[in-house]
Amino acid sequence: METRAVAVGDLLRLRTEAEVLGPAELRHAVGEAVDVLAARYAASH
């Protein structure tokens, strides 16, 4: 079984084409990663 970090990375590679519906823990982990990315890029504008 792959780790959560690997799954998050795999899903982020799909860019805006993917939405994680479940499990809830994975959806939350992807949401956290997206929040980090959004903050990083918002700070550079």
N, C-alpha and C. Protein backbone atom coordinates (compact mmCIF):
# COMPACT_ATOMS: atom_id res chain seq x y z
N MET A 1 0.84 -1.18 0.00
CA MET A 1 0.00 0.00 0.00
C MET A 1 0.89 1.24 0.00
N GLU A 2 0.51 2.22 -0.79
CA GLU A 2 1.30 3.44 -0.84
C GLU A 2 1.03 4.32 0.38
N THR A 3 1.98 5.17 0.66
CA THR A 3 1.80 6.07 1.80
C THR A 3 0.88 7.22 1.41
N ARG A 4 0.38 7.90 2.42
CA ARG A 4 -0.48 9.05 2.16
C ARG A 4 0.28 10.12 1.36
N ALA A 5 1.55 10.35 1.70
CA ALA A 5 2.34 11.36 0.99
C ALA A 5 2.46 11.03 -0.49
N VAL A 6 2.66 9.77 -0.81
CA VAL A 6 2.75 9.35 -2.21
C VAL A 6 1.41 9.56 -2.90
N ALA A 7 0.33 9.20 -2.24
CA ALA A 7 -1.00 9.37 -2.83
C ALA A 7 -1.30 10.84 -3.07
N VAL A 8 -0.94 11.70 -2.12
CA VAL A 8 -1.16 13.14 -2.29
C VAL A 8 -0.37 13.64 -3.50
N GLY A 9 0.89 13.26 -3.60
CA GLY A 9 1.71 13.67 -4.74
C GLY A 9 1.15 13.19 -6.06
N ASP A 10 0.70 11.96 -6.08
CA ASP A 10 0.11 11.41 -7.31
C ASP A 10 -1.13 12.20 -7.72
N LEU A 11 -1.95 12.53 -6.76
CA LEU A 11 -3.18 13.27 -7.06
C LEU A 11 -2.89 14.70 -7.48
N LEU A 12 -1.91 15.34 -6.86
CA LEU A 12 -1.57 16.71 -7.25
C LEU A 12 -1.02 16.77 -8.67
N ARG A 13 -0.40 15.69 -9.12
CA ARG A 13 0.09 15.65 -10.50
C ARG A 13 -1.04 15.72 -11.51
N LEU A 14 -2.23 15.38 -11.09
CA LEU A 14 -3.38 15.43 -11.99
C LEU A 14 -3.94 16.85 -12.13
N ARG A 15 -3.34 17.77 -11.41
CA ARG A 15 -3.70 19.19 -11.45
C ARG A 15 -5.17 19.38 -11.13
N THR A 16 -5.86 20.18 -11.90
CA THR A 16 -7.26 20.48 -11.60
C THR A 16 -8.22 19.43 -12.14
N GLU A 17 -7.69 18.37 -12.72
CA GLU A 17 -8.54 17.32 -13.29
C GLU A 17 -9.06 16.34 -12.24
N ALA A 18 -8.55 16.43 -11.02
CA ALA A 18 -8.92 15.45 -10.00
C ALA A 18 -9.63 16.11 -8.82
N GLU A 19 -10.53 15.37 -8.22
CA GLU A 19 -11.14 15.74 -6.95
C GLU A 19 -11.17 14.50 -6.09
N VAL A 20 -10.64 14.61 -4.89
CA VAL A 20 -10.62 13.47 -3.98
C VAL A 20 -11.95 13.44 -3.23
N LEU A 21 -12.69 12.39 -3.43
CA LEU A 21 -13.97 12.23 -2.76
C LEU A 21 -13.85 11.43 -1.48
N GLY A 22 -12.84 10.60 -1.38
CA GLY A 22 -12.65 9.79 -0.18
C GLY A 22 -11.43 8.94 -0.34
N PRO A 23 -10.95 8.38 0.70
CA PRO A 23 -11.44 8.53 2.07
C PRO A 23 -11.20 9.94 2.60
N ALA A 24 -11.92 10.27 3.65
CA ALA A 24 -11.87 11.63 4.21
C ALA A 24 -10.46 12.04 4.60
N GLU A 25 -9.66 11.11 5.10
CA GLU A 25 -8.30 11.43 5.53
C GLU A 25 -7.45 11.87 4.33
N LEU A 26 -7.64 11.22 3.20
CA LEU A 26 -6.89 11.58 2.00
C LEU A 26 -7.38 12.91 1.45
N ARG A 27 -8.67 13.12 1.45
CA ARG A 27 -9.23 14.41 1.00
C ARG A 27 -8.67 15.54 1.85
N HIS A 28 -8.60 15.34 3.16
CA HIS A 28 -8.06 16.35 4.07
C HIS A 28 -6.58 16.60 3.79
N ALA A 29 -5.81 15.55 3.57
CA ALA A 29 -4.38 15.68 3.29
C ALA A 29 -4.14 16.44 2.00
N VAL A 30 -4.93 16.17 0.97
CA VAL A 30 -4.79 16.89 -0.29
C VAL A 30 -5.18 18.36 -0.07
N GLY A 31 -6.23 18.60 0.69
CA GLY A 31 -6.64 19.97 0.99
C GLY A 31 -5.55 20.75 1.71
N GLU A 32 -4.89 20.10 2.65
CA GLU A 32 -3.79 20.76 3.36
C GLU A 32 -2.65 21.10 2.41
N ALA A 33 -2.32 20.19 1.52
CA ALA A 33 -1.24 20.43 0.55
C ALA A 33 -1.61 21.59 -0.37
N VAL A 34 -2.84 21.64 -0.80
CA VAL A 34 -3.30 22.72 -1.68
C VAL A 34 -3.25 24.06 -0.93
N ASP A 35 -3.61 24.05 0.34
CA ASP A 35 -3.54 25.28 1.14
C ASP A 35 -2.11 25.80 1.22
N VAL A 36 -1.16 24.91 1.43
CA VAL A 36 0.25 25.30 1.49
C VAL A 36 0.69 25.90 0.16
N LEU A 37 0.32 25.25 -0.93
CA LEU A 37 0.68 25.78 -2.26
C LEU A 37 0.03 27.12 -2.52
N ALA A 38 -1.23 27.26 -2.17
CA ALA A 38 -1.94 28.53 -2.40
C ALA A 38 -1.27 29.65 -1.61
N ALA A 39 -0.91 29.39 -0.37
CA ALA A 39 -0.25 30.42 0.44
C ALA A 39 1.10 30.78 -0.14
N ARG A 40 1.84 29.80 -0.61
CA ARG A 40 3.16 30.05 -1.19
C ARG A 40 3.06 30.93 -2.42
N TYR A 41 2.12 30.64 -3.29
CA TYR A 41 2.00 31.41 -4.53
C TYR A 41 1.30 32.74 -4.31
N ALA A 42 0.42 32.84 -3.35
CA ALA A 42 -0.23 34.12 -3.04
C ALA A 42 0.79 35.12 -2.52
N ALA A 43 1.75 34.64 -1.78
CA ALA A 43 2.79 35.51 -1.20
C ALA A 43 3.70 36.07 -2.27
N SER A 44 3.77 35.44 -3.43
CA SER A 44 4.68 35.89 -4.48
C SER A 44 4.04 36.87 -5.46
N HIS A 45 2.78 37.20 -5.26
CA HIS A 45 2.10 38.14 -6.17
C HIS A 45 2.33 39.54 -5.73
